[in-house]
């Protein structure tokens, strides 16, 4: 079975991530697409010798965990959405991909729809009363009725499907590259391409997305990073390093990485989780 891990090794361009060392100096982690030159393990944000950034420097945000809740450890989490006191989730892997409704705070799966066994479920978002779900390499997206999970329509896209979110006007989609694509919510046709940079460097491997109070939040695949992107400029203006939020002993494999962001706009709560994680965390961000 081919898993999403292979996407990491198929990228040709390096990913530049700025990190803060213990001495407070800026450094760059270069995560390359070829396994031979990449010594870091998933979730390892080890700094290497500094490279002077160009352009505005993203600032690191601090945060605290204010709650930890049960989560299905068999769920290869790809998309996470908060709505009406609970979550909708998209899970991946061929033969295991689902759309599901998850109770909060118990983590119990209360409704589930299995995708066809040849499909690899990816990002998920909510538009009005419709759930929009991507798949990885099949170029197929699906629109469901939120309450019944009845399939309403299918749409196509040319790229891979990674993450998706909704800004109130357009869908915003990631495909693993250093750019985000805006889609018309009625036709699902591209209307804008937004290159994403961090400290003047293209930032690839953008994965799960969430639109939070005017910023696009994105997981960076195979790291413990969440970056906050200005939707006008495409610049990462701030970021979170969530290394250690789930102990290494609770991760069962190299693919069990941070992936999943959800926002409760009424209570201003932010939730994060990961692939096959036994916990879902509520975090409070301090600017």
Protein backbone atom coordinates (compact mmCIF):
# COMPACT_ATOMS: atom_id res chain seq x y z
CA UNK A 1 0.00 0.00 0.00
CA UNK A 2 1.37 3.36 -1.00
CA UNK A 3 1.02 5.91 1.74
CA UNK A 4 1.21 9.66 1.87
CA UNK A 5 4.75 9.46 3.21
CA UNK A 6 6.02 9.07 -0.35
CA UNK A 7 4.92 12.62 -1.13
CA UNK A 8 7.76 13.88 1.04
CA UNK A 9 10.37 12.14 -1.07
CA UNK A 10 8.90 13.11 -4.44
CA UNK A 11 9.48 16.84 -4.05
CA UNK A 12 12.40 18.28 -6.03
CA UNK A 13 12.91 21.59 -4.25
CA UNK A 14 14.20 22.06 -0.69
CA UNK A 15 11.92 23.39 1.96
CA UNK A 16 13.31 26.28 4.01
CA UNK A 17 12.08 26.64 7.56
CA UNK A 18 13.36 29.25 9.97
CA UNK A 19 13.81 28.10 13.57
CA UNK A 20 15.04 29.65 16.78
CA UNK A 21 18.07 28.04 18.39
CA UNK A 22 18.57 27.87 22.13
CA UNK A 23 20.75 30.97 21.89
CA UNK A 24 17.97 32.87 20.16
CA UNK A 25 19.76 32.90 16.79
CA UNK A 26 17.99 32.32 13.52
CA UNK A 27 18.80 29.17 11.61
CA UNK A 28 17.42 27.27 8.67
CA UNK A 29 16.28 23.69 8.47
CA UNK A 30 16.64 22.46 4.92
CA UNK A 31 14.38 19.47 4.37
CA UNK A 32 15.18 17.98 0.98
CA UNK A 33 13.03 15.72 -1.13
CA UNK A 34 15.57 12.89 -1.42
CA UNK A 35 15.80 10.51 1.51
CA UNK A 36 19.58 10.23 1.29
CA UNK A 37 20.26 13.87 2.12
CA UNK A 38 17.53 14.22 4.72
CA UNK A 39 18.82 13.18 8.13
CA UNK A 40 16.03 14.71 10.22
CA UNK A 41 13.27 12.43 11.41
CA UNK A 42 9.59 13.46 11.40
CA UNK A 43 8.98 16.10 14.02
CA UNK A 44 12.71 16.91 14.36
CA UNK A 45 13.20 20.67 13.94
CA UNK A 46 16.94 20.59 14.54
CA UNK A 47 18.65 23.83 13.43
CA UNK A 48 21.62 23.81 11.06
CA UNK A 49 24.07 26.67 10.33
CA UNK A 50 22.25 29.95 9.82
CA UNK A 51 21.37 31.32 6.42
CA UNK A 52 20.50 35.00 6.32
CA UNK A 53 16.80 35.36 5.48
CA UNK A 54 15.54 37.87 2.97
CA UNK A 55 12.38 39.85 3.51
CA UNK A 56 10.31 39.99 6.70
CA UNK A 57 11.20 37.40 9.34
CA UNK A 58 8.38 35.25 10.68
CA UNK A 59 7.99 35.42 14.44
CA UNK A 60 7.50 32.40 16.63
CA UNK A 61 4.29 32.32 18.65
CA UNK A 62 4.08 30.67 22.04
CA UNK A 63 1.19 28.50 23.10
CA UNK A 64 -0.02 26.27 25.89
CA UNK A 65 -2.08 23.09 25.91
CA UNK A 66 -5.33 23.73 27.76
CA UNK A 67 -7.02 20.41 27.06
CA UNK A 68 -6.30 16.88 25.82
CA UNK A 69 -9.09 14.62 24.61
CA UNK A 70 -9.38 11.04 23.30
CA UNK A 71 -8.97 10.50 19.57
CA UNK A 72 -9.27 7.36 17.45
CA UNK A 73 -5.65 6.10 17.11
CA UNK A 74 -6.53 4.22 13.92
CA UNK A 75 -7.61 7.41 12.12
CA UNK A 76 -5.00 8.58 9.59
CA UNK A 77 -6.16 12.15 10.05
CA UNK A 78 -6.14 14.34 6.94
CA UNK A 79 -8.80 17.01 7.52
CA UNK A 80 -10.34 18.34 10.73
CA UNK A 81 -13.38 20.65 10.98
CA UNK A 82 -15.20 21.96 14.06
CA UNK A 83 -18.96 22.47 13.83
CA UNK A 84 -21.84 22.57 16.31
CA UNK A 85 -20.05 21.06 19.29
CA UNK A 86 -18.09 18.35 17.51
CA UNK A 87 -15.79 17.52 14.62
CA UNK A 88 -15.95 16.32 11.06
CA UNK A 89 -12.89 14.40 9.93
CA UNK A 90 -11.42 13.08 6.71
CA UNK A 91 -9.10 10.11 7.11
CA UNK A 92 -6.69 8.62 4.57
CA UNK A 93 -4.94 5.48 3.31
CA UNK A 94 -6.29 3.27 0.55
CA UNK A 95 -8.93 0.94 1.92
CA UNK A 96 -9.22 2.94 5.16
CA UNK A 97 -10.33 6.39 4.01
CA UNK A 98 -13.49 7.81 5.56
CA UNK A 99 -15.64 10.84 6.15
CA UNK A 100 -16.81 10.89 9.75
CA UNK A 101 -18.57 12.81 12.48
CA UNK A 102 -16.77 12.69 15.84
CA UNK A 103 -18.26 13.50 19.23
CA UNK A 104 -16.55 15.98 21.52
CA UNK A 105 -15.12 15.53 24.09
CA UNK A 106 -15.41 11.72 24.02
CA UNK A 107 -13.78 11.25 20.60
CA UNK A 108 -16.38 8.63 19.69
CA UNK A 109 -17.13 8.21 15.99
CA UNK A 110 -20.88 8.73 15.68
CA UNK A 111 -21.21 8.60 11.87
CA UNK A 112 -18.87 7.30 9.18
CA UNK A 113 -18.84 6.91 5.42
CA UNK A 114 -16.16 4.74 3.78
CA UNK A 115 -14.59 5.95 0.55
CA UNK A 116 -13.98 3.55 -2.32
CA UNK A 117 -10.97 1.33 -1.50
CA UNK A 118 -8.85 2.85 -4.29
CA UNK A 119 -9.25 6.40 -2.93
CA UNK A 120 -6.96 8.13 -0.44
CA UNK A 121 -8.95 10.68 1.58
CA UNK A 122 -7.35 14.09 2.13
CA UNK A 123 -8.41 17.59 3.22
CA UNK A 124 -11.89 18.55 4.39
CA UNK A 125 -13.80 21.80 4.86
CA UNK A 126 -17.34 23.00 5.50
CA UNK A 127 -19.12 25.43 3.17
CA UNK A 128 -22.59 26.35 4.37
CA UNK A 129 -24.26 22.97 4.88
CA UNK A 130 -21.90 21.08 2.57
CA UNK A 131 -18.73 19.13 3.35
CA UNK A 132 -16.01 19.30 0.69
CA UNK A 133 -13.46 16.48 0.70
CA UNK A 134 -10.32 15.99 -1.41
CA UNK A 135 -8.48 12.85 -2.43
CA UNK A 136 -4.73 12.58 -2.91
CA UNK A 137 -3.73 11.48 -6.44
CA UNK A 138 -7.03 10.57 -8.09
CA UNK A 139 -7.87 14.25 -8.86
CA UNK A 140 -11.36 13.74 -7.45
CA UNK A 141 -13.16 15.85 -4.90
CA UNK A 142 -16.55 15.26 -3.33
CA UNK A 143 -19.34 17.43 -1.93
CA UNK A 144 -21.64 15.92 0.68
CA UNK A 145 -24.70 16.98 2.60
CA UNK A 146 -23.38 17.70 6.08
CA UNK A 147 -26.22 16.02 7.97
CA UNK A 148 -26.75 12.87 5.90
CA UNK A 149 -23.33 12.43 4.20
CA UNK A 150 -25.25 12.01 0.94
CA UNK A 151 -23.00 12.64 -2.06
CA UNK A 152 -24.22 15.75 -3.87
CA UNK A 153 -21.60 16.17 -6.58
CA UNK A 154 -18.07 15.35 -7.66
CA UNK A 155 -15.44 17.72 -9.07
CA UNK A 156 -12.01 17.43 -10.65
CA UNK A 157 -8.66 19.20 -10.18
CA UNK A 158 -5.34 18.86 -11.98
CA UNK A 159 -2.98 18.77 -9.00
CA UNK A 160 -2.65 16.43 -6.05
CA UNK A 161 -5.11 17.09 -3.26
CA UNK A 162 -3.66 17.78 0.20
CA UNK A 163 -5.52 20.31 2.37
CA UNK A 164 -8.54 22.56 1.86
CA UNK A 165 -10.25 25.37 3.74
CA UNK A 166 -12.88 28.07 3.19
CA UNK A 167 -12.34 31.80 3.73
CA UNK A 168 -15.98 32.80 3.37
CA UNK A 169 -15.63 33.53 -0.34
CA UNK A 170 -13.37 30.95 -1.96
CA UNK A 171 -12.03 27.50 -1.27
CA UNK A 172 -8.27 27.44 -0.65
CA UNK A 173 -6.43 24.25 -1.55
CA UNK A 174 -2.90 22.94 -0.98
CA UNK A 175 -1.19 20.40 -3.21
CA UNK A 176 2.16 19.91 -1.47
CA UNK A 177 3.88 22.67 -3.41
CA UNK A 178 4.90 26.15 -2.23
CA UNK A 179 1.65 27.66 -3.46
CA UNK A 180 -2.04 27.62 -2.57
CA UNK A 181 -4.85 27.57 -5.13
CA UNK A 182 -8.09 29.50 -4.68
CA UNK A 183 -11.15 27.75 -6.15
CA UNK A 184 -14.55 29.14 -7.05
CA UNK A 185 -16.98 27.37 -4.68
CA UNK A 186 -19.60 26.87 -7.41
CA UNK A 187 -17.48 25.77 -10.37
CA UNK A 188 -14.40 24.50 -8.46
CA UNK A 189 -12.25 26.20 -11.09
CA UNK A 190 -9.01 27.95 -10.05
CA UNK A 191 -9.33 31.70 -9.65
CA UNK A 192 -6.00 32.56 -8.02
CA UNK A 193 -2.61 31.02 -7.26
CA UNK A 194 -0.87 32.27 -4.10
CA UNK A 195 2.88 31.56 -3.78
CA UNK A 196 3.86 31.04 -0.11
CA UNK A 197 7.18 32.19 1.31
CA UNK A 198 8.80 32.14 4.73
CA UNK A 199 11.62 34.59 5.35
CA UNK A 200 11.92 35.13 1.61
CA UNK A 201 12.16 31.41 0.80
CA UNK A 202 9.44 29.30 -0.91
CA UNK A 203 7.75 27.05 1.66
CA UNK A 204 6.62 23.73 0.22
CA UNK A 205 4.84 20.72 1.74
CA UNK A 206 1.90 22.79 2.96
CA UNK A 207 -0.70 20.29 4.08
CA UNK A 208 -3.86 20.57 6.20
CA UNK A 209 -5.33 24.09 6.15
CA UNK A 210 -7.62 26.16 8.38
CA UNK A 211 -8.73 29.77 7.94
CA UNK A 212 -8.56 31.49 11.33
CA UNK A 213 -9.45 35.15 11.78
CA UNK A 214 -7.96 36.42 8.54
CA UNK A 215 -4.95 34.07 8.32
CA UNK A 216 -4.42 30.73 6.60
CA UNK A 217 -2.99 28.24 9.08
CA UNK A 218 -1.13 25.30 7.55
CA UNK A 219 0.59 22.18 8.80
CA UNK A 220 3.99 21.66 7.20
CA UNK A 221 4.26 17.99 6.28
CA UNK A 222 6.70 15.92 8.33
CA UNK A 223 7.36 18.67 10.87
CA UNK A 224 5.78 19.85 14.10
CA UNK A 225 5.21 23.26 12.52
CA UNK A 226 2.05 25.22 11.91
CA UNK A 227 2.57 28.38 9.86
CA UNK A 228 0.26 31.39 9.64
CA UNK A 229 0.04 32.82 6.11
CA UNK A 230 -1.04 36.31 5.08
CA UNK A 231 -3.62 35.65 2.33
CA UNK A 232 -2.75 38.90 0.56
CA UNK A 233 1.03 38.52 0.29
CA UNK A 234 1.50 34.78 0.78
CA UNK A 235 4.14 35.51 3.43
CA UNK A 236 4.33 33.44 6.61
CA UNK A 237 4.23 36.12 9.28
CA UNK A 238 4.21 33.82 12.32
CA UNK A 239 4.49 30.15 13.22
CA UNK A 240 4.07 27.59 15.99
CA UNK A 241 6.52 24.85 16.86
CA UNK A 242 4.52 22.09 18.57
CA UNK A 243 7.41 19.69 19.07
CA UNK A 244 6.67 17.42 22.01
CA UNK A 245 2.94 18.06 22.18
CA UNK A 246 2.52 14.31 21.67
CA UNK A 247 5.36 12.28 23.21
CA UNK A 248 7.42 10.20 20.82
CA UNK A 249 6.41 7.11 22.79
CA UNK A 250 2.80 7.72 21.72
CA UNK A 251 3.66 7.76 18.03
CA UNK A 252 3.53 4.33 16.48
CA UNK A 253 5.32 5.07 13.20
CA UNK A 254 7.23 7.63 11.16
CA UNK A 255 4.04 8.80 9.48
CA UNK A 256 2.26 9.66 12.74
CA UNK A 257 2.94 13.37 12.34
CA UNK A 258 1.12 16.53 13.35
CA UNK A 259 -1.75 17.06 10.90
CA UNK A 260 -5.11 18.57 11.70
CA UNK A 261 -6.21 22.08 12.66
CA UNK A 262 -9.74 23.13 13.63
CA UNK A 263 -11.14 26.43 14.89
CA UNK A 264 -14.20 27.05 17.02
CA UNK A 265 -15.11 30.65 16.07
CA UNK A 266 -17.69 31.09 18.82
CA UNK A 267 -15.43 30.18 21.73
CA UNK A 268 -12.18 31.14 19.90
CA UNK A 269 -10.73 27.68 20.52
CA UNK A 270 -8.03 26.02 18.40
CA UNK A 271 -7.67 22.24 18.20
CA UNK A 272 -4.81 20.20 16.73
CA UNK A 273 -4.12 16.52 16.26
CA UNK A 274 -2.21 14.16 13.99
CA UNK A 275 -2.22 11.00 11.94
CA UNK A 276 -3.05 8.00 14.15
CA UNK A 277 -2.74 10.14 17.27
CA UNK A 278 -4.56 8.89 20.37
CA UNK A 279 -5.12 12.47 21.52
CA UNK A 280 -6.61 15.69 20.22
CA UNK A 281 -5.34 18.88 21.86
CA UNK A 282 -6.85 22.26 22.55
CA UNK A 283 -4.20 24.96 22.46
CA UNK A 284 -4.17 28.62 23.48
CA UNK A 285 -1.88 30.86 21.47
CA UNK A 286 -0.11 33.81 23.03
CA UNK A 287 1.05 36.45 20.56
